[in-house]
Amino acid sequence: MTLRGLAAMALVVTGVSLVLPIAVSSQGGSLSATSPRKGGNAEAARLMAPVADSADARAAGRRTYQRLCSRCHGVEGKGDGGGAGAGGQPADFTDGTWIFGGSAGEIFTVIRDGTSADMESYAERISETEMWNLVHYIRSLGPSAARP
């Protein structure tokens, strides 16, 4: 299933059809309490980074960003990379607008779970440590006033 939001599955039990709502993500996986949501997710915002925000973490995050993210989000994180093939507009990390929330935990879940065909999950491509380093780097690109 690749439906966004709630999907319905029909189940036939002894001739009676039941419709069961099943929450699925944009990537086809199950939604969790911390899954990305437009407007932010309070549960995701409570996630604490096990990796401290430091110059070393940001440098490691920058290397991951250059390798995996700059094609769509642009070299400077302005959303101008042009690599979004499914027609979406990549996020501009330098502005104060964070569609899925700007806390470290919310950004982490966007990277981990994905949000669309363009912003896919990276859970199977990079480690959680790499994701947290990437979070610290991405947050460093935006105005400090936009960071919760």
N, C-alpha and C. Protein backbone atom coordinates (compact mmCIF):
# COMPACT_ATOMS: atom_id res chain seq x y z
N MET A 1 0.84 -1.18 0.00
CA MET A 1 0.00 0.00 0.00
C MET A 1 0.87 1.24 0.00
N THR A 2 0.56 2.17 -0.84
CA THR A 2 1.32 3.41 -0.86
C THR A 2 0.40 4.61 -0.60
N LEU A 3 -0.74 4.38 -0.01
CA LEU A 3 -1.66 5.47 0.31
C LEU A 3 -1.14 6.26 1.48
N ARG A 4 -1.40 7.55 1.45
CA ARG A 4 -1.01 8.44 2.54
C ARG A 4 -2.16 8.54 3.53
N GLY A 5 -1.83 8.58 4.82
CA GLY A 5 -2.86 8.74 5.83
C GLY A 5 -3.46 7.41 6.21
N LEU A 6 -4.78 7.37 6.30
CA LEU A 6 -5.45 6.14 6.68
C LEU A 6 -5.87 5.37 5.46
N ALA A 7 -5.61 4.10 5.46
CA ALA A 7 -6.04 3.22 4.39
C ALA A 7 -7.06 2.27 4.99
N ALA A 8 -7.89 1.70 4.17
CA ALA A 8 -8.88 0.76 4.66
C ALA A 8 -8.65 -0.58 4.00
N MET A 9 -8.75 -1.61 4.78
CA MET A 9 -8.63 -2.97 4.26
C MET A 9 -9.94 -3.68 4.54
N ALA A 10 -10.41 -4.41 3.56
CA ALA A 10 -11.62 -5.19 3.76
C ALA A 10 -11.23 -6.58 4.21
N LEU A 11 -11.92 -7.08 5.19
CA LEU A 11 -11.66 -8.40 5.73
C LEU A 11 -12.97 -9.16 5.69
N VAL A 12 -12.97 -10.30 5.07
CA VAL A 12 -14.20 -11.08 4.98
C VAL A 12 -14.10 -12.22 5.99
N VAL A 13 -15.02 -12.22 6.94
CA VAL A 13 -15.07 -13.24 7.96
C VAL A 13 -16.44 -13.89 7.90
N THR A 14 -16.49 -15.12 7.55
CA THR A 14 -17.74 -15.87 7.41
C THR A 14 -18.83 -15.07 6.69
N GLY A 15 -18.46 -14.51 5.55
CA GLY A 15 -19.44 -13.81 4.72
C GLY A 15 -19.75 -12.39 5.13
N VAL A 16 -19.13 -11.87 6.19
CA VAL A 16 -19.39 -10.51 6.64
C VAL A 16 -18.13 -9.68 6.36
N SER A 17 -18.30 -8.56 5.70
CA SER A 17 -17.17 -7.68 5.42
C SER A 17 -16.99 -6.68 6.54
N LEU A 18 -15.78 -6.56 7.01
CA LEU A 18 -15.43 -5.56 8.01
C LEU A 18 -14.41 -4.62 7.39
N VAL A 19 -14.51 -3.35 7.68
CA VAL A 19 -13.51 -2.39 7.21
C VAL A 19 -12.70 -1.97 8.42
N LEU A 20 -11.40 -2.24 8.34
CA LEU A 20 -10.49 -1.93 9.43
C LEU A 20 -9.56 -0.81 9.02
N PRO A 21 -9.53 0.31 9.74
CA PRO A 21 -8.58 1.37 9.40
C PRO A 21 -7.17 0.95 9.82
N ILE A 22 -6.25 1.17 8.93
CA ILE A 22 -4.85 0.88 9.21
C ILE A 22 -4.05 2.11 8.86
N ALA A 23 -3.26 2.57 9.78
CA ALA A 23 -2.44 3.76 9.53
C ALA A 23 -1.19 3.34 8.77
N VAL A 24 -0.96 4.02 7.65
CA VAL A 24 0.25 3.75 6.87
C VAL A 24 0.94 5.06 6.56
N SER A 25 2.24 5.00 6.43
CA SER A 25 3.00 6.19 6.11
C SER A 25 3.04 6.39 4.61
N SER A 26 3.60 7.50 4.18
CA SER A 26 3.75 7.78 2.76
C SER A 26 4.69 6.78 2.11
N GLN A 27 5.49 6.09 2.91
CA GLN A 27 6.42 5.10 2.40
C GLN A 27 5.83 3.71 2.42
N GLY A 28 4.56 3.56 2.86
CA GLY A 28 3.90 2.27 2.89
C GLY A 28 4.07 1.53 4.20
N GLY A 29 4.85 2.03 5.13
CA GLY A 29 5.03 1.39 6.42
C GLY A 29 4.01 1.89 7.41
N SER A 30 3.98 1.25 8.57
CA SER A 30 3.04 1.66 9.61
C SER A 30 3.46 2.98 10.24
N LEU A 31 2.47 3.76 10.60
CA LEU A 31 2.75 5.01 11.31
C LEU A 31 3.01 4.71 12.78
N SER A 32 3.87 5.48 13.38
CA SER A 32 4.12 5.36 14.81
C SER A 32 3.76 6.68 15.47
N ALA A 33 3.84 6.70 16.78
CA ALA A 33 3.52 7.93 17.51
C ALA A 33 4.46 9.07 17.13
N THR A 34 5.65 8.74 16.65
CA THR A 34 6.63 9.77 16.31
C THR A 34 6.73 10.04 14.81
N SER A 35 5.87 9.44 14.00
CA SER A 35 5.94 9.65 12.55
C SER A 35 5.77 11.13 12.21
N PRO A 36 6.45 11.58 11.14
CA PRO A 36 6.35 12.98 10.74
C PRO A 36 4.91 13.39 10.42
N ARG A 37 4.54 14.58 10.87
CA ARG A 37 3.21 15.14 10.59
C ARG A 37 3.38 16.61 10.21
N LYS A 38 2.65 17.04 9.20
CA LYS A 38 2.68 18.47 8.85
C LYS A 38 2.22 19.25 10.07
N GLY A 39 2.94 20.32 10.35
CA GLY A 39 2.65 21.12 11.53
C GLY A 39 3.44 20.69 12.75
N GLY A 40 4.14 19.57 12.64
CA GLY A 40 4.96 19.08 13.74
C GLY A 40 4.32 17.92 14.47
N ASN A 41 5.10 17.28 15.32
CA ASN A 41 4.65 16.13 16.09
C ASN A 41 5.26 16.23 17.48
N ALA A 42 4.40 16.45 18.46
CA ALA A 42 4.86 16.64 19.84
C ALA A 42 5.62 15.43 20.36
N GLU A 43 5.19 14.22 19.98
CA GLU A 43 5.90 13.01 20.43
C GLU A 43 7.31 12.97 19.84
N ALA A 44 7.42 13.26 18.55
CA ALA A 44 8.73 13.28 17.90
C ALA A 44 9.61 14.38 18.50
N ALA A 45 9.00 15.51 18.83
CA ALA A 45 9.76 16.63 19.40
C ALA A 45 10.40 16.26 20.73
N ARG A 46 9.84 15.27 21.43
CA ARG A 46 10.39 14.84 22.72
C ARG A 46 11.59 13.91 22.57
N LEU A 47 11.85 13.42 21.36
CA LEU A 47 13.01 12.54 21.17
C LEU A 47 14.27 13.33 21.46
N MET A 48 15.14 12.72 22.22
CA MET A 48 16.40 13.37 22.59
C MET A 48 17.54 12.76 21.79
N ALA A 49 18.37 13.60 21.25
CA ALA A 49 19.51 13.13 20.46
C ALA A 49 20.53 12.45 21.36
N PRO A 50 20.89 11.21 21.05
CA PRO A 50 21.94 10.54 21.83
C PRO A 50 23.33 11.03 21.43
N VAL A 51 23.38 11.82 20.38
CA VAL A 51 24.64 12.39 19.89
C VAL A 51 24.60 13.89 20.21
N ALA A 52 25.58 14.37 20.94
CA ALA A 52 25.62 15.78 21.31
C ALA A 52 25.85 16.66 20.07
N ASP A 53 25.23 17.83 20.07
CA ASP A 53 25.45 18.81 19.00
C ASP A 53 26.83 19.43 19.24
N SER A 54 27.75 19.12 18.33
CA SER A 54 29.13 19.61 18.47
C SER A 54 29.69 19.90 17.08
N ALA A 55 30.83 20.53 17.05
CA ALA A 55 31.48 20.80 15.77
C ALA A 55 31.78 19.50 15.03
N ASP A 56 32.20 18.47 15.76
CA ASP A 56 32.48 17.17 15.12
C ASP A 56 31.22 16.54 14.57
N ALA A 57 30.12 16.60 15.33
CA ALA A 57 28.85 16.03 14.87
C ALA A 57 28.36 16.76 13.62
N ARG A 58 28.46 18.09 13.63
CA ARG A 58 28.03 18.87 12.46
C ARG A 58 28.91 18.59 11.25
N ALA A 59 30.20 18.41 11.45
CA ALA A 59 31.10 18.10 10.33
C ALA A 59 30.76 16.74 9.74
N ALA A 60 30.48 15.77 10.60
CA ALA A 60 30.07 14.44 10.12
C ALA A 60 28.72 14.55 9.39
N GLY A 61 27.80 15.33 9.95
CA GLY A 61 26.50 15.54 9.32
C GLY A 61 26.63 16.23 7.97
N ARG A 62 27.57 17.16 7.87
CA ARG A 62 27.81 17.87 6.61
C ARG A 62 28.29 16.90 5.53
N ARG A 63 29.15 15.96 5.91
CA ARG A 63 29.62 14.96 4.94
C ARG A 63 28.47 14.09 4.45
N THR A 64 27.60 13.68 5.36
CA THR A 64 26.43 12.88 4.98
C THR A 64 25.51 13.71 4.10
N TYR A 65 25.31 14.98 4.47
CA TYR A 65 24.46 15.88 3.70
C TYR A 65 24.98 16.00 2.26
N GLN A 66 26.26 16.23 2.11
CA GLN A 66 26.84 16.39 0.77
C GLN A 66 26.66 15.14 -0.07
N ARG A 67 26.75 13.99 0.57
CA ARG A 67 26.64 12.71 -0.14
C ARG A 67 25.20 12.36 -0.50
N LEU A 68 24.24 12.64 0.40
CA LEU A 68 22.87 12.16 0.23
C LEU A 68 21.80 13.22 0.01
N CYS A 69 22.04 14.44 0.44
CA CYS A 69 20.96 15.42 0.51
C CYS A 69 21.09 16.59 -0.46
N SER A 70 22.31 16.97 -0.80
CA SER A 70 22.53 18.19 -1.57
C SER A 70 21.93 18.12 -2.97
N ARG A 71 21.78 16.93 -3.52
CA ARG A 71 21.19 16.80 -4.87
C ARG A 71 19.79 17.41 -4.92
N CYS A 72 19.01 17.23 -3.86
CA CYS A 72 17.66 17.80 -3.82
C CYS A 72 17.60 19.13 -3.06
N HIS A 73 18.24 19.17 -1.90
CA HIS A 73 18.13 20.35 -1.03
C HIS A 73 19.13 21.45 -1.37
N GLY A 74 20.05 21.17 -2.30
CA GLY A 74 21.04 22.17 -2.70
C GLY A 74 22.26 22.16 -1.81
N VAL A 75 23.35 22.66 -2.35
CA VAL A 75 24.63 22.67 -1.65
C VAL A 75 24.54 23.44 -0.34
N GLU A 76 23.79 24.54 -0.34
CA GLU A 76 23.67 25.37 0.87
C GLU A 76 22.37 25.13 1.63
N GLY A 77 21.59 24.11 1.23
CA GLY A 77 20.36 23.77 1.95
C GLY A 77 19.18 24.66 1.65
N LYS A 78 19.19 25.33 0.49
CA LYS A 78 18.12 26.27 0.16
C LYS A 78 16.96 25.63 -0.61
N GLY A 79 16.99 24.30 -0.78
CA GLY A 79 15.91 23.62 -1.48
C GLY A 79 15.98 23.79 -2.98
N ASP A 80 17.16 24.14 -3.47
CA ASP A 80 17.30 24.47 -4.89
C ASP A 80 18.19 23.49 -5.66
N GLY A 81 18.25 22.24 -5.17
CA GLY A 81 19.10 21.26 -5.82
C GLY A 81 18.54 20.67 -7.09
N GLY A 82 17.24 20.71 -7.26
CA GLY A 82 16.62 20.24 -8.50
C GLY A 82 16.52 18.73 -8.66
N GLY A 83 16.87 17.96 -7.65
CA GLY A 83 16.86 16.50 -7.80
C GLY A 83 15.57 15.81 -7.41
N ALA A 84 14.57 16.54 -6.99
CA ALA A 84 13.30 15.93 -6.59
C ALA A 84 12.53 15.47 -7.83
N GLY A 85 12.60 14.18 -8.12
CA GLY A 85 12.02 13.66 -9.35
C GLY A 85 10.52 13.44 -9.32
N ALA A 86 9.91 13.35 -8.16
CA ALA A 86 8.47 13.09 -8.07
C ALA A 86 7.65 14.38 -8.09
N GLY A 87 8.32 15.52 -8.26
CA GLY A 87 7.59 16.78 -8.38
C GLY A 87 7.45 17.59 -7.11
N GLY A 88 8.00 17.13 -6.01
CA GLY A 88 7.91 17.88 -4.76
C GLY A 88 8.94 19.00 -4.70
N GLN A 89 8.72 19.92 -3.78
CA GLN A 89 9.68 21.00 -3.55
C GLN A 89 10.49 20.67 -2.31
N PRO A 90 11.79 20.44 -2.47
CA PRO A 90 12.62 20.13 -1.29
C PRO A 90 12.60 21.27 -0.28
N ALA A 91 12.72 20.90 0.98
CA ALA A 91 12.73 21.89 2.05
C ALA A 91 13.93 22.82 1.94
N ASP A 92 13.70 24.08 2.27
CA ASP A 92 14.76 25.09 2.38
C ASP A 92 15.11 25.16 3.86
N PHE A 93 16.28 24.66 4.21
CA PHE A 93 16.69 24.61 5.61
C PHE A 93 17.19 25.95 6.13
N THR A 94 17.35 26.93 5.25
CA THR A 94 17.89 28.22 5.67
C THR A 94 16.80 29.21 6.09
N ASP A 95 15.53 28.87 5.84
CA ASP A 95 14.45 29.77 6.25
C ASP A 95 13.90 29.34 7.60
N GLY A 96 12.92 30.02 8.08
CA GLY A 96 12.35 29.71 9.39
C GLY A 96 11.15 28.80 9.32
N THR A 97 10.85 28.23 8.15
CA THR A 97 9.68 27.38 7.99
C THR A 97 10.08 25.91 8.03
N TRP A 98 9.55 25.20 9.00
CA TRP A 98 9.83 23.77 9.14
C TRP A 98 8.47 23.06 9.08
N ILE A 99 8.09 22.59 7.92
CA ILE A 99 6.75 22.03 7.68
C ILE A 99 6.43 20.87 8.61
N PHE A 100 7.40 20.03 8.91
CA PHE A 100 7.17 18.87 9.77
C PHE A 100 7.73 19.08 11.17
N GLY A 101 8.01 20.33 11.52
CA GLY A 101 8.54 20.66 12.84
C GLY A 101 10.06 20.81 12.79
N GLY A 102 10.58 21.71 13.59
CA GLY A 102 12.00 22.02 13.55
C GLY A 102 12.82 21.52 14.72
N SER A 103 12.19 20.75 15.62
CA SER A 103 12.98 20.21 16.73
C SER A 103 13.91 19.12 16.19
N ALA A 104 14.93 18.81 16.95
CA ALA A 104 15.86 17.77 16.53
C ALA A 104 15.13 16.44 16.32
N GLY A 105 14.22 16.10 17.22
CA GLY A 105 13.48 14.84 17.10
C GLY A 105 12.58 14.80 15.87
N GLU A 106 11.93 15.92 15.56
CA GLU A 106 11.05 15.96 14.39
C GLU A 106 11.85 15.83 13.09
N ILE A 107 12.99 16.50 13.03
CA ILE A 107 13.84 16.38 11.84
C ILE A 107 14.37 14.95 11.73
N PHE A 108 14.75 14.37 12.85
CA PHE A 108 15.23 12.99 12.86
C PHE A 108 14.18 12.04 12.26
N THR A 109 12.91 12.19 12.67
CA THR A 109 11.88 11.28 12.17
C THR A 109 11.60 11.49 10.69
N VAL A 110 11.76 12.70 10.19
CA VAL A 110 11.62 12.94 8.75
C VAL A 110 12.70 12.16 8.00
N ILE A 111 13.92 12.21 8.49
CA ILE A 111 15.02 11.48 7.85
C ILE A 111 14.80 9.98 7.99
N ARG A 112 14.44 9.54 9.17
CA ARG A 112 14.25 8.10 9.43
C ARG A 112 13.07 7.51 8.67
N ASP A 113 11.91 8.23 8.70
CA ASP A 113 10.68 7.67 8.16
C ASP A 113 10.33 8.15 6.75
N GLY A 114 10.86 9.32 6.36
CA GLY A 114 10.49 9.91 5.08
C GLY A 114 9.12 10.57 5.15
N THR A 115 8.80 11.35 4.13
CA THR A 115 7.51 12.05 4.09
C THR A 115 6.80 11.93 2.75
N SER A 116 7.51 11.51 1.71
CA SER A 116 6.92 11.48 0.36
C SER A 116 7.78 10.63 -0.57
N ALA A 117 7.36 10.55 -1.83
CA ALA A 117 8.15 9.83 -2.83
C ALA A 117 9.50 10.50 -3.04
N ASP A 118 9.56 11.81 -2.88
CA ASP A 118 10.83 12.54 -3.03
C ASP A 118 11.69 12.43 -1.76
N MET A 119 11.08 12.59 -0.60
CA MET A 119 11.81 12.50 0.67
C MET A 119 11.55 11.12 1.27
N GLU A 120 12.34 10.17 0.81
CA GLU A 120 12.17 8.79 1.24
C GLU A 120 12.85 8.55 2.59
N SER A 121 12.53 7.43 3.19
CA SER A 121 13.16 7.02 4.43
C SER A 121 14.63 6.69 4.20
N TYR A 122 15.46 7.07 5.15
CA TYR A 122 16.88 6.74 5.10
C TYR A 122 17.24 5.72 6.17
N ALA A 123 16.25 5.11 6.79
CA ALA A 123 16.47 4.17 7.89
C ALA A 123 17.35 2.99 7.50
N GLU A 124 17.27 2.56 6.27
CA GLU A 124 18.06 1.41 5.84
C GLU A 124 19.34 1.81 5.11
N ARG A 125 19.58 3.12 4.97
CA ARG A 125 20.75 3.60 4.25
C ARG A 125 21.85 4.14 5.15
N ILE A 126 21.45 4.74 6.27
CA ILE A 126 22.45 5.31 7.18
C ILE A 126 22.07 4.95 8.62
N SER A 127 23.07 4.97 9.49
CA SER A 127 22.85 4.62 10.89
C SER A 127 22.12 5.75 11.62
N GLU A 128 21.59 5.43 12.80
CA GLU A 128 20.94 6.46 13.60
C GLU A 128 21.94 7.54 14.02
N THR A 129 23.16 7.16 14.29
CA THR A 129 24.19 8.15 14.64
C THR A 129 24.39 9.11 13.47
N GLU A 130 24.47 8.59 12.25
CA GLU A 130 24.61 9.46 11.07
C GLU A 130 23.39 10.37 10.92
N MET A 131 22.21 9.83 11.21
CA MET A 131 21.00 10.66 11.13
C MET A 131 21.05 11.81 12.13
N TRP A 132 21.46 11.53 13.37
CA TRP A 132 21.53 12.60 14.39
C TRP A 132 22.59 13.62 14.03
N ASN A 133 23.73 13.19 13.50
CA ASN A 133 24.74 14.14 13.03
C ASN A 133 24.16 15.02 11.93
N LEU A 134 23.40 14.41 11.03
CA LEU A 134 22.76 15.13 9.94
C LEU A 134 21.75 16.14 10.49
N VAL A 135 20.99 15.74 11.49
CA VAL A 135 20.04 16.65 12.15
C VAL A 135 20.77 17.88 12.66
N HIS A 136 21.88 17.68 13.36
CA HIS A 136 22.63 18.81 13.91
C HIS A 136 23.13 19.73 12.81
N TYR A 137 23.60 19.14 11.71
CA TYR A 137 24.07 19.97 10.59
C TYR A 137 22.91 20.74 9.96
N ILE A 138 21.80 20.07 9.68
CA ILE A 138 20.65 20.72 9.05
C ILE A 138 20.15 21.88 9.91
N ARG A 139 20.04 21.66 11.22
CA ARG A 139 19.57 22.73 12.11
C ARG A 139 20.53 23.91 12.13
N SER A 140 21.81 23.66 11.88
CA SER A 140 22.80 24.75 11.88
C SER A 140 22.64 25.64 10.65
N LEU A 141 21.95 25.17 9.63
CA LEU A 141 21.78 25.96 8.41
C LEU A 141 20.71 27.05 8.56
N GLY A 142 19.73 26.81 9.42
CA GLY A 142 18.62 27.74 9.55
C GLY A 142 18.88 28.82 10.57
N PRO A 143 18.00 29.81 10.60
CA PRO A 143 18.14 30.88 11.61
C PRO A 143 17.93 30.32 13.00
N SER A 144 18.71 30.77 13.95
CA SER A 144 18.62 30.24 15.30
C SER A 144 17.25 30.49 15.91
N ALA A 145 16.57 31.54 15.51
CA ALA A 145 15.23 31.85 16.03
C ALA A 145 14.21 30.80 15.62
N ALA A 146 14.48 30.07 14.53
CA ALA A 146 13.52 29.07 14.05
C ALA A 146 13.68 27.73 14.76
N ARG A 147 14.73 27.57 15.54
CA ARG A 147 15.00 26.30 16.20
C ARG A 147 14.30 26.24 17.55
N PRO A 148 13.40 25.26 17.70
CA PRO A 148 12.73 25.12 19.01
C PRO A 148 13.69 24.60 20.05
